[in-house]
């Protein structure tokens, strides 16, 4: 599949003139479809594997490089969204569960000091 360099219209492989804008499609006027950037793919996969700091970094870099080079950025965006959601959920769990964990830790310490006092 190829695309017109002037208007971005999708063209058949044997087209010589763009059906939308009418420009001649010599070899220099046609852009081949570009794939995803490797860092965006890596960011997406790392986000699925819950390696959030690296997933966030790779997704951001993959998104920036992909946009600059004209590559697809869907997987980088997906990795970025998954990473942000995961980090927000972790923060919420920490806020909600943090006090409960601290209370359990205090009870454990009190139980240990009582047991040591008995000995």
C-alpha atoms as a PDB file:
ATOM      1  CA  UNK A   1       0.000   0.000   0.000  1.00  0.00           C
ATOM      2  CA  UNK A   2       1.288   3.473  -0.796  1.00  0.00           C
ATOM      3  CA  UNK A   3       0.164   7.001   0.007  1.00  0.00           C
ATOM      4  CA  UNK A   4       0.291  10.336  -1.821  1.00  0.00           C
ATOM      5  CA  UNK A   5       3.036  12.574  -0.445  1.00  0.00           C
ATOM      6  CA  UNK A   6       0.935  15.688  -1.056  1.00  0.00           C
ATOM      7  CA  UNK A   7      -2.459  14.823   0.430  1.00  0.00           C
ATOM      8  CA  UNK A   8      -1.945  11.466   2.195  1.00  0.00           C
ATOM      9  CA  UNK A   9      -4.585   9.638   0.166  1.00  0.00           C
ATOM     10  CA  UNK A  10      -4.343   5.851   0.139  1.00  0.00           C
ATOM     11  CA  UNK A  11      -3.457   4.652  -3.352  1.00  0.00           C
ATOM     12  CA  UNK A  12      -3.258   1.377  -5.182  1.00  0.00           C
ATOM     13  CA  UNK A  13       0.258   0.143  -5.872  1.00  0.00           C
ATOM     14  CA  UNK A  14      -0.095   0.651  -9.648  1.00  0.00           C
ATOM     15  CA  UNK A  15      -1.496   4.239  -9.516  1.00  0.00           C
ATOM     16  CA  UNK A  16       0.426   6.906 -11.462  1.00  0.00           C
ATOM     17  CA  UNK A  17      -1.723   9.901 -10.452  1.00  0.00           C
ATOM     18  CA  UNK A  18      -3.354  10.643  -7.107  1.00  0.00           C
ATOM     19  CA  UNK A  19      -7.121  10.223  -7.370  1.00  0.00           C
ATOM     20  CA  UNK A  20      -7.731  12.873  -4.695  1.00  0.00           C
ATOM     21  CA  UNK A  21      -5.350  15.763  -5.481  1.00  0.00           C
ATOM     22  CA  UNK A  22      -4.259  14.914  -9.042  1.00  0.00           C
ATOM     23  CA  UNK A  23      -0.496  15.085  -8.449  1.00  0.00           C
ATOM     24  CA  UNK A  24       1.738  12.900 -10.538  1.00  0.00           C
ATOM     25  CA  UNK A  25       3.084   9.975  -8.531  1.00  0.00           C
ATOM     26  CA  UNK A  26       6.676   9.752  -9.674  1.00  0.00           C
ATOM     27  CA  UNK A  27       9.012   7.798  -7.409  1.00  0.00           C
ATOM     28  CA  UNK A  28       9.808  10.819  -5.223  1.00  0.00           C
ATOM     29  CA  UNK A  29       6.139  11.705  -4.535  1.00  0.00           C
ATOM     30  CA  UNK A  30       5.117   8.430  -2.956  1.00  0.00           C
ATOM     31  CA  UNK A  31       5.652   7.484   0.678  1.00  0.00           C
ATOM     32  CA  UNK A  32       5.651   3.884   1.773  1.00  0.00           C
ATOM     33  CA  UNK A  33       3.621   3.013   4.861  1.00  0.00           C
ATOM     34  CA  UNK A  34       5.763   3.176   7.997  1.00  0.00           C
ATOM     35  CA  UNK A  35       5.542   0.760  10.900  1.00  0.00           C
ATOM     36  CA  UNK A  36       5.807   1.203  14.640  1.00  0.00           C
ATOM     37  CA  UNK A  37       9.034   2.402  16.260  1.00  0.00           C
ATOM     38  CA  UNK A  38      10.813  -0.272  18.328  1.00  0.00           C
ATOM     39  CA  UNK A  39      10.860   1.792  21.520  1.00  0.00           C
ATOM     40  CA  UNK A  40       7.085   2.218  21.376  1.00  0.00           C
ATOM     41  CA  UNK A  41       6.657  -1.534  21.026  1.00  0.00           C
ATOM     42  CA  UNK A  42       9.057  -2.114  23.920  1.00  0.00           C
ATOM     43  CA  UNK A  43       7.166   0.383  26.086  1.00  0.00           C
ATOM     44  CA  UNK A  44       3.868  -1.357  25.346  1.00  0.00           C
ATOM     45  CA  UNK A  45       5.253  -4.819  26.144  1.00  0.00           C
ATOM     46  CA  UNK A  46       6.923  -3.599  29.347  1.00  0.00           C
ATOM     47  CA  UNK A  47       3.663  -1.982  30.458  1.00  0.00           C
ATOM     48  CA  UNK A  48       1.879  -5.315  30.005  1.00  0.00           C
ATOM     49  CA  UNK A  49       4.606  -7.011  32.048  1.00  0.00           C
ATOM     50  CA  UNK A  50       4.159  -4.386  34.819  1.00  0.00           C
ATOM     51  CA  UNK A  51       7.685  -2.979  34.563  1.00  0.00           C
ATOM     52  CA  UNK A  52       6.285   0.521  34.971  1.00  0.00           C
ATOM     53  CA  UNK A  53       9.300   2.849  35.222  1.00  0.00           C
ATOM     54  CA  UNK A  54      10.905   1.396  32.102  1.00  0.00           C
ATOM     55  CA  UNK A  55       7.567   1.124  30.300  1.00  0.00           C
ATOM     56  CA  UNK A  56       6.873   4.793  30.942  1.00  0.00           C
ATOM     57  CA  UNK A  57      10.325   5.861  29.735  1.00  0.00           C
ATOM     58  CA  UNK A  58      10.293   3.673  26.610  1.00  0.00           C
ATOM     59  CA  UNK A  59       6.736   4.720  25.723  1.00  0.00           C
ATOM     60  CA  UNK A  60       7.531   8.430  26.023  1.00  0.00           C
ATOM     61  CA  UNK A  61      10.700   8.110  23.946  1.00  0.00           C
ATOM     62  CA  UNK A  62       8.942   5.848  21.406  1.00  0.00           C
ATOM     63  CA  UNK A  63       6.116   8.372  21.075  1.00  0.00           C
ATOM     64  CA  UNK A  64       8.481  11.317  20.565  1.00  0.00           C
ATOM     65  CA  UNK A  65      10.759   9.518  18.095  1.00  0.00           C
ATOM     66  CA  UNK A  66       7.822   7.945  16.267  1.00  0.00           C
ATOM     67  CA  UNK A  67       6.123  11.308  15.752  1.00  0.00           C
ATOM     68  CA  UNK A  68       9.364  12.918  14.627  1.00  0.00           C
ATOM     69  CA  UNK A  69      10.100  10.162  12.101  1.00  0.00           C
ATOM     70  CA  UNK A  70       6.501   9.746  10.945  1.00  0.00           C
ATOM     71  CA  UNK A  71       6.145   6.224  12.360  1.00  0.00           C
ATOM     72  CA  UNK A  72       2.968   4.834  13.878  1.00  0.00           C
ATOM     73  CA  UNK A  73       2.651   5.720  17.568  1.00  0.00           C
ATOM     74  CA  UNK A  74      -0.385   3.684  18.666  1.00  0.00           C
ATOM     75  CA  UNK A  75       1.564   1.145  20.718  1.00  0.00           C
ATOM     76  CA  UNK A  76       3.632   3.864  22.388  1.00  0.00           C
ATOM     77  CA  UNK A  77       0.426   5.688  23.368  1.00  0.00           C
ATOM     78  CA  UNK A  78      -1.101   2.435  24.639  1.00  0.00           C
ATOM     79  CA  UNK A  79       2.025   1.707  26.706  1.00  0.00           C
ATOM     80  CA  UNK A  80       1.927   5.235  28.094  1.00  0.00           C
ATOM     81  CA  UNK A  81      -1.758   4.986  29.063  1.00  0.00           C
ATOM     82  CA  UNK A  82      -1.352   1.548  30.661  1.00  0.00           C
ATOM     83  CA  UNK A  83       1.694   2.753  32.624  1.00  0.00           C
ATOM     84  CA  UNK A  84      -0.072   5.862  33.901  1.00  0.00           C
ATOM     85  CA  UNK A  85      -3.168   3.887  34.941  1.00  0.00           C
ATOM     86  CA  UNK A  86      -1.004   1.307  36.708  1.00  0.00           C
ATOM     87  CA  UNK A  87       0.958   3.990  38.580  1.00  0.00           C
ATOM     88  CA  UNK A  88      -2.245   5.792  39.658  1.00  0.00           C
ATOM     89  CA  UNK A  89      -3.717   2.503  40.934  1.00  0.00           C
ATOM     90  CA  UNK A  90      -0.484   1.803  42.868  1.00  0.00           C
ATOM     91  CA  UNK A  91      -0.639   5.251  44.484  1.00  0.00           C
ATOM     92  CA  UNK A  92      -4.297   4.739  45.463  1.00  0.00           C
ATOM     93  CA  UNK A  93      -3.521   1.322  46.957  1.00  0.00           C
ATOM     94  CA  UNK A  94      -0.597   2.805  48.887  1.00  0.00           C
ATOM     95  CA  UNK A  95      -2.780   5.619  50.261  1.00  0.00           C
ATOM     96  CA  UNK A  96      -5.598   3.254  51.246  1.00  0.00           C
ATOM     97  CA  UNK A  97      -3.558   0.279  52.444  1.00  0.00           C
ATOM     98  CA  UNK A  98      -0.602   2.180  53.926  1.00  0.00           C
ATOM     99  CA  UNK A  99      -2.210   2.974  57.287  1.00  0.00           C
ATOM    100  CA  UNK A 100      -3.488  -0.617  57.638  1.00  0.00           C
ATOM    101  CA  UNK A 101      -0.032  -2.011  56.949  1.00  0.00           C
ATOM    102  CA  UNK A 102       1.542   0.354  59.480  1.00  0.00           C
ATOM    103  CA  UNK A 103      -0.998  -0.721  62.114  1.00  0.00           C
ATOM    104  CA  UNK A 104      -0.249  -4.388  61.452  1.00  0.00           C
ATOM    105  CA  UNK A 105       3.473  -3.638  61.759  1.00  0.00           C
ATOM    106  CA  UNK A 106       2.935  -1.868  65.112  1.00  0.00           C
ATOM    107  CA  UNK A 107       0.896  -4.819  66.418  1.00  0.00           C
ATOM    108  CA  UNK A 108       3.613  -7.210  65.315  1.00  0.00           C
ATOM    109  CA  UNK A 109       6.272  -5.169  67.112  1.00  0.00           C
ATOM    110  CA  UNK A 110       4.137  -4.960  70.270  1.00  0.00           C
ATOM    111  CA  UNK A 111       3.619  -8.732  70.186  1.00  0.00           C
ATOM    112  CA  UNK A 112       7.349  -9.315  69.801  1.00  0.00           C
ATOM    113  CA  UNK A 113       8.245  -7.013  72.702  1.00  0.00           C
ATOM    114  CA  UNK A 114       5.621  -8.721  74.896  1.00  0.00           C
ATOM    115  CA  UNK A 115       7.035 -12.128  73.998  1.00  0.00           C
ATOM    116  CA  UNK A 116      10.561 -10.941  74.760  1.00  0.00           C
ATOM    117  CA  UNK A 117       9.431  -9.484  78.094  1.00  0.00           C
ATOM    118  CA  UNK A 118       7.966 -12.852  79.104  1.00  0.00           C
ATOM    119  CA  UNK A 119      11.270 -14.594  78.401  1.00  0.00           C
END
